N, C-alpha and C. Protein backbone atom coordinates (compact mmCIF):
# COMPACT_ATOMS: atom_id res chain seq x y z
N GLN A 1 -1.50 16.37 -17.39
CA GLN A 1 -0.67 15.41 -16.93
C GLN A 1 0.26 15.91 -16.00
N VAL A 2 0.55 15.12 -14.96
CA VAL A 2 1.47 15.30 -13.88
C VAL A 2 2.90 15.05 -14.42
N GLN A 3 3.87 15.96 -14.10
CA GLN A 3 5.15 15.83 -14.38
C GLN A 3 5.97 16.46 -13.44
N LEU A 4 7.30 15.95 -13.29
CA LEU A 4 8.29 16.70 -12.39
C LEU A 4 9.36 17.21 -13.27
N VAL A 5 9.75 18.48 -13.05
CA VAL A 5 10.85 19.18 -13.94
C VAL A 5 12.01 19.53 -12.90
N GLU A 6 13.21 19.13 -13.03
CA GLU A 6 14.33 19.51 -12.33
C GLU A 6 15.01 20.54 -13.14
N SER A 7 15.71 21.41 -12.25
CA SER A 7 16.55 22.38 -12.80
C SER A 7 17.77 22.66 -11.87
N GLY A 8 18.79 23.21 -12.33
CA GLY A 8 19.95 23.84 -11.26
C GLY A 8 21.05 22.91 -11.28
N GLY A 9 21.16 21.83 -12.20
CA GLY A 9 22.54 21.08 -12.26
C GLY A 9 23.54 21.93 -13.01
N GLY A 10 24.81 21.28 -12.96
CA GLY A 10 25.68 22.10 -13.75
C GLY A 10 27.17 21.38 -13.21
N LEU A 11 28.02 22.25 -13.55
CA LEU A 11 29.54 21.80 -13.32
C LEU A 11 30.07 22.78 -12.23
N VAL A 12 30.78 22.32 -11.30
CA VAL A 12 31.14 23.08 -10.18
C VAL A 12 32.55 22.34 -9.64
N GLN A 13 33.34 23.04 -8.97
CA GLN A 13 34.59 22.59 -8.47
C GLN A 13 34.39 21.86 -7.30
N ALA A 14 35.24 20.93 -6.81
CA ALA A 14 35.13 20.35 -5.58
C ALA A 14 35.10 21.44 -4.24
N GLY A 15 34.25 21.24 -3.57
CA GLY A 15 34.17 22.11 -2.38
C GLY A 15 33.18 23.18 -2.53
N GLY A 16 32.54 23.15 -3.76
CA GLY A 16 31.56 24.11 -4.18
C GLY A 16 30.26 23.68 -3.85
N SER A 17 29.13 24.65 -4.26
CA SER A 17 27.82 24.31 -4.00
C SER A 17 26.95 24.42 -5.21
N LEU A 18 25.83 23.82 -5.17
CA LEU A 18 24.85 23.86 -6.02
C LEU A 18 23.50 23.67 -5.47
N ARG A 19 22.42 24.17 -6.15
CA ARG A 19 21.17 23.95 -5.48
C ARG A 19 20.11 23.40 -6.64
N LEU A 20 19.66 22.21 -6.47
CA LEU A 20 18.61 21.62 -7.32
C LEU A 20 17.28 21.95 -7.01
N SER A 21 16.36 22.26 -7.95
CA SER A 21 14.95 22.36 -7.79
C SER A 21 14.13 21.48 -8.64
N CYS A 22 13.03 21.09 -8.03
CA CYS A 22 12.05 20.18 -8.72
C CYS A 22 10.70 20.58 -8.42
N ALA A 23 10.00 20.98 -9.73
CA ALA A 23 8.68 21.50 -9.51
C ALA A 23 7.76 20.42 -10.09
N ALA A 24 6.52 20.01 -9.33
CA ALA A 24 5.66 19.19 -9.88
C ALA A 24 4.49 20.09 -10.57
N SER A 25 4.23 19.76 -11.72
CA SER A 25 3.01 20.52 -12.47
C SER A 25 2.08 19.48 -12.82
N GLY A 26 0.92 20.15 -13.18
CA GLY A 26 -0.20 19.35 -13.77
C GLY A 26 -1.41 19.48 -12.72
N SER A 27 -2.36 18.63 -12.90
CA SER A 27 -3.43 18.77 -11.95
C SER A 27 -3.28 17.79 -10.90
N ILE A 28 -2.93 18.38 -9.59
CA ILE A 28 -2.43 17.64 -8.59
C ILE A 28 -3.48 17.83 -7.44
N PHE A 29 -3.94 16.78 -6.85
CA PHE A 29 -4.57 16.75 -5.62
C PHE A 29 -3.80 16.87 -4.45
N SER A 30 -2.62 16.12 -4.41
CA SER A 30 -1.84 15.87 -3.17
C SER A 30 -0.64 15.20 -3.42
N ILE A 31 0.48 15.75 -2.75
CA ILE A 31 1.85 15.18 -2.98
C ILE A 31 2.25 14.58 -1.42
N ASN A 32 2.60 13.33 -1.50
CA ASN A 32 3.11 12.73 -0.31
C ASN A 32 4.73 13.00 -0.17
N ALA A 33 5.42 11.87 -0.07
CA ALA A 33 6.98 11.92 -0.08
C ALA A 33 7.53 12.45 -1.23
N MET A 34 8.51 13.25 -1.15
CA MET A 34 9.31 13.81 -2.31
C MET A 34 10.81 13.36 -2.10
N GLY A 35 11.57 13.25 -3.08
CA GLY A 35 12.93 12.84 -2.92
C GLY A 35 13.90 13.23 -3.96
N TRP A 36 15.16 12.90 -3.68
CA TRP A 36 16.24 12.99 -4.69
C TRP A 36 16.85 11.72 -4.72
N TYR A 37 17.13 11.20 -6.08
CA TYR A 37 18.03 10.14 -6.27
C TYR A 37 19.33 10.57 -7.21
N ARG A 38 20.09 9.72 -7.27
CA ARG A 38 21.13 9.96 -8.18
C ARG A 38 21.77 8.66 -8.83
N GLN A 39 22.31 8.82 -10.00
CA GLN A 39 22.93 7.53 -10.71
C GLN A 39 24.04 7.90 -11.43
N ALA A 40 25.28 7.54 -11.00
CA ALA A 40 26.56 7.67 -11.55
C ALA A 40 26.71 6.72 -12.73
N PRO A 41 27.76 7.13 -13.65
CA PRO A 41 27.92 6.08 -14.75
C PRO A 41 28.22 4.74 -14.21
N GLY A 42 27.62 3.70 -14.69
CA GLY A 42 28.04 2.27 -14.30
C GLY A 42 27.58 1.85 -12.98
N LYS A 43 26.78 2.80 -12.28
CA LYS A 43 26.19 2.35 -11.05
C LYS A 43 24.73 2.33 -11.01
N GLN A 44 24.18 1.63 -10.00
CA GLN A 44 22.64 1.82 -9.79
C GLN A 44 22.20 3.14 -9.29
N ARG A 45 21.05 3.50 -9.61
CA ARG A 45 20.46 4.70 -8.95
C ARG A 45 20.26 4.44 -7.52
N GLU A 46 20.68 5.50 -6.80
CA GLU A 46 20.63 5.35 -5.21
C GLU A 46 19.84 6.54 -4.72
N LEU A 47 19.36 6.33 -3.45
CA LEU A 47 18.71 7.38 -2.69
C LEU A 47 19.73 8.41 -2.09
N VAL A 48 19.26 9.69 -2.38
CA VAL A 48 20.00 11.00 -1.83
C VAL A 48 19.46 11.27 -0.43
N ALA A 49 18.21 11.73 -0.78
CA ALA A 49 17.33 12.33 0.35
C ALA A 49 15.93 12.14 0.16
N THR A 50 15.06 12.26 1.18
CA THR A 50 13.77 12.28 1.08
C THR A 50 13.09 13.14 2.17
N ILE A 51 11.94 13.59 1.89
CA ILE A 51 11.35 14.37 2.75
C ILE A 51 9.68 14.18 2.59
N THR A 52 9.19 14.01 3.82
CA THR A 52 7.74 13.62 3.93
C THR A 52 6.87 14.97 3.79
N ARG A 53 5.61 15.02 3.73
CA ARG A 53 4.85 16.11 3.66
C ARG A 53 5.01 17.10 4.85
N ASP A 54 5.04 16.38 6.17
CA ASP A 54 5.16 17.21 7.25
C ASP A 54 6.65 17.73 7.50
N GLY A 55 7.56 17.34 6.61
CA GLY A 55 9.00 17.78 6.67
C GLY A 55 9.89 16.74 7.47
N THR A 56 9.66 15.60 7.61
CA THR A 56 10.52 14.61 8.07
C THR A 56 11.62 14.35 6.93
N THR A 57 12.91 14.34 7.31
CA THR A 57 13.86 14.15 6.38
C THR A 57 14.67 12.89 6.52
N ASP A 58 15.32 12.44 5.59
CA ASP A 58 16.09 11.22 5.56
C ASP A 58 17.28 11.42 4.59
N TYR A 59 18.55 11.16 4.82
CA TYR A 59 19.69 11.35 4.04
C TYR A 59 20.35 10.11 3.84
N ALA A 60 21.05 9.77 2.68
CA ALA A 60 22.11 8.84 2.61
C ALA A 60 23.33 9.10 3.45
N ASP A 61 24.04 8.26 4.07
CA ASP A 61 25.21 8.46 4.87
C ASP A 61 26.13 9.40 4.07
N SER A 62 26.24 9.13 2.89
CA SER A 62 27.39 9.67 2.11
C SER A 62 27.07 11.22 1.95
N VAL A 63 25.81 11.81 2.00
CA VAL A 63 25.65 13.13 1.92
C VAL A 63 25.22 13.92 3.26
N ASN A 64 25.00 13.01 4.30
CA ASN A 64 24.47 13.64 5.51
C ASN A 64 25.51 14.71 6.01
N GLY A 65 24.89 15.84 6.26
CA GLY A 65 25.66 16.83 6.89
C GLY A 65 26.28 17.88 5.75
N ARG A 66 26.15 17.53 4.43
CA ARG A 66 26.50 18.25 3.40
C ARG A 66 25.39 18.74 2.56
N PHE A 67 24.29 17.87 2.45
CA PHE A 67 23.24 18.25 1.61
C PHE A 67 21.82 18.44 2.60
N THR A 68 20.95 19.33 1.87
CA THR A 68 19.71 19.59 2.78
C THR A 68 18.78 19.61 1.82
N ILE A 69 17.77 18.75 2.13
CA ILE A 69 16.41 18.86 1.32
C ILE A 69 15.45 19.60 2.05
N SER A 70 14.56 20.26 1.22
CA SER A 70 13.61 21.02 1.67
C SER A 70 12.37 21.10 0.58
N ARG A 71 11.17 21.51 1.14
CA ARG A 71 10.00 21.62 0.21
C ARG A 71 9.09 22.79 0.52
N ASP A 72 8.43 23.05 -0.56
CA ASP A 72 7.34 24.13 -0.29
C ASP A 72 6.11 23.41 -0.71
N ASN A 73 5.14 23.06 0.08
CA ASN A 73 3.91 22.43 -0.25
C ASN A 73 2.91 23.30 -0.97
N ALA A 74 3.11 24.58 -0.86
CA ALA A 74 2.19 25.45 -1.53
C ALA A 74 2.48 25.60 -2.88
N LYS A 75 3.81 25.34 -3.35
CA LYS A 75 4.32 25.52 -4.59
C LYS A 75 4.72 24.24 -5.23
N ASN A 76 4.23 23.07 -4.62
CA ASN A 76 4.71 21.66 -4.98
C ASN A 76 6.05 21.73 -5.56
N THR A 77 7.10 22.09 -4.76
CA THR A 77 8.48 22.03 -4.99
C THR A 77 9.33 21.51 -4.05
N VAL A 78 10.25 20.85 -4.55
CA VAL A 78 11.39 20.35 -3.60
C VAL A 78 12.83 20.74 -4.02
N LEU A 79 13.69 21.15 -3.08
CA LEU A 79 14.80 21.57 -3.11
C LEU A 79 15.90 20.66 -2.64
N LEU A 80 17.12 20.65 -3.08
CA LEU A 80 18.29 20.05 -2.58
C LEU A 80 19.33 20.94 -2.71
N GLN A 81 19.90 21.37 -1.65
CA GLN A 81 20.98 22.32 -1.41
C GLN A 81 22.25 21.37 -1.26
N MET A 82 23.21 21.46 -2.02
CA MET A 82 24.38 20.65 -1.99
C MET A 82 25.54 21.42 -1.69
N ASN A 83 26.14 21.23 -0.61
CA ASN A 83 27.47 22.06 -0.08
C ASN A 83 28.60 21.06 -0.03
N SER A 84 29.70 21.65 -0.04
CA SER A 84 31.04 20.83 0.01
C SER A 84 31.09 19.53 -0.87
N LEU A 85 30.79 19.85 -2.11
CA LEU A 85 30.63 18.74 -3.16
C LEU A 85 31.85 18.24 -3.36
N LYS A 86 31.76 16.96 -3.74
CA LYS A 86 33.07 16.14 -3.93
C LYS A 86 32.87 15.48 -5.33
N PRO A 87 34.04 14.98 -5.92
CA PRO A 87 33.96 14.47 -7.20
C PRO A 87 33.01 13.19 -7.25
N GLU A 88 32.88 12.50 -6.24
CA GLU A 88 32.00 11.23 -6.26
C GLU A 88 30.56 11.70 -6.09
N ASP A 89 30.16 13.02 -6.04
CA ASP A 89 28.91 13.35 -6.04
C ASP A 89 28.30 13.52 -7.50
N THR A 90 29.27 13.47 -8.48
CA THR A 90 29.07 13.56 -9.88
C THR A 90 28.03 12.32 -10.20
N ALA A 91 26.88 12.81 -10.91
CA ALA A 91 25.91 11.77 -11.24
C ALA A 91 24.57 12.59 -11.99
N VAL A 92 23.76 11.82 -12.54
CA VAL A 92 22.55 12.52 -12.86
C VAL A 92 21.73 12.44 -11.64
N TYR A 93 21.08 13.52 -11.21
CA TYR A 93 20.24 13.77 -10.09
C TYR A 93 18.80 13.61 -10.57
N TYR A 94 17.99 12.65 -9.90
CA TYR A 94 16.53 12.56 -10.24
C TYR A 94 15.57 12.95 -9.17
N CYS A 95 14.64 13.73 -9.39
CA CYS A 95 13.54 14.09 -8.62
C CYS A 95 12.45 12.97 -8.57
N ASN A 96 11.99 12.64 -7.35
CA ASN A 96 10.90 11.67 -7.23
C ASN A 96 9.87 12.11 -6.26
N ALA A 97 8.58 11.64 -6.66
CA ALA A 97 7.41 12.08 -5.73
C ALA A 97 6.29 11.16 -5.85
N ASP A 98 5.64 11.00 -4.62
CA ASP A 98 4.22 10.17 -4.71
C ASP A 98 3.18 11.20 -4.86
N ILE A 99 2.46 11.02 -5.99
CA ILE A 99 1.50 12.28 -6.22
C ILE A 99 0.11 11.68 -6.47
N TRP A 100 -0.87 12.17 -6.03
CA TRP A 100 -2.18 11.94 -6.20
C TRP A 100 -2.72 13.00 -7.27
N PRO A 101 -3.13 12.55 -8.43
CA PRO A 101 -3.65 13.45 -9.42
C PRO A 101 -4.88 13.78 -9.28
N ARG A 102 -5.38 14.97 -9.65
CA ARG A 102 -6.82 15.29 -9.65
C ARG A 102 -7.49 14.54 -10.83
N GLY A 103 -8.77 14.02 -10.46
CA GLY A 103 -9.64 13.52 -11.54
C GLY A 103 -9.14 12.02 -12.10
N GLY A 104 -8.08 11.56 -11.36
CA GLY A 104 -7.77 10.38 -11.90
C GLY A 104 -8.06 9.26 -10.92
N SER A 105 -7.20 8.19 -10.66
CA SER A 105 -7.49 7.09 -9.73
C SER A 105 -7.23 7.71 -8.37
N ASN A 106 -7.85 7.14 -7.65
CA ASN A 106 -7.94 7.83 -6.08
C ASN A 106 -6.70 7.22 -5.31
N PHE A 107 -5.58 7.24 -5.75
CA PHE A 107 -4.52 6.84 -4.90
C PHE A 107 -3.23 7.72 -5.37
N TYR A 108 -2.14 7.42 -4.59
CA TYR A 108 -0.94 7.85 -5.03
C TYR A 108 -0.04 7.15 -6.16
N SER A 109 0.65 7.75 -7.01
CA SER A 109 1.40 7.07 -8.00
C SER A 109 2.75 7.78 -7.87
N ASN A 110 3.65 6.89 -8.13
CA ASN A 110 5.07 7.47 -8.13
C ASN A 110 5.61 8.09 -9.52
N TYR A 111 6.29 9.19 -9.56
CA TYR A 111 6.61 9.92 -10.59
C TYR A 111 8.08 10.13 -10.48
N TRP A 112 8.91 10.32 -11.70
CA TRP A 112 10.15 10.64 -11.81
C TRP A 112 10.34 11.82 -12.76
N GLY A 113 11.34 12.63 -12.40
CA GLY A 113 11.78 13.76 -13.31
C GLY A 113 12.77 13.19 -14.41
N GLN A 114 13.06 13.98 -15.22
CA GLN A 114 13.96 13.56 -16.43
C GLN A 114 15.33 13.47 -16.08
N GLY A 115 15.79 14.16 -14.87
CA GLY A 115 17.18 14.12 -14.53
C GLY A 115 17.87 15.27 -14.78
N THR A 116 18.84 15.75 -13.92
CA THR A 116 19.66 16.86 -14.22
C THR A 116 21.20 16.49 -13.94
N GLN A 117 22.14 16.82 -14.63
CA GLN A 117 23.35 16.31 -14.52
C GLN A 117 24.08 17.25 -13.58
N VAL A 118 24.87 16.60 -12.54
CA VAL A 118 25.86 17.44 -11.72
C VAL A 118 27.13 16.93 -11.77
N THR A 119 28.07 17.68 -12.15
CA THR A 119 29.48 17.33 -12.21
C THR A 119 30.40 18.07 -11.32
N VAL A 120 31.22 17.31 -10.53
CA VAL A 120 32.11 18.00 -9.70
C VAL A 120 33.48 17.65 -10.07
N SER A 121 34.28 18.66 -10.43
CA SER A 121 35.53 18.49 -10.85
C SER A 121 36.57 18.53 -9.71
N SER A 122 37.71 17.88 -9.71
CA SER A 122 38.57 17.74 -8.75
C SER A 122 39.75 18.87 -8.73
């Protein structure tokens, strides 16, 4: 069964850095776009950054220039390097990916990780 597992969240002071990692596991034929979303208390889930299989990236305006998304296609992983963190970056961060499982239906399905908490103190 395909699943996404995030790691790397935690508590950091404003101005600090964290790196989130997400690994896709299971029987996987192919992964298309991967990305990170976040949801703060009382707010809707929002896109943080995405990356295509060939490395094209897109960022939310609020994180552009501070966060960097990258991926390792050989390891089925996606990373989010977060620098110059602000208290408003506090949220649960979710990994997302379009995955084509082996032996299943012949198309991509969208998967979510369980989320990892990021807390930035002022």
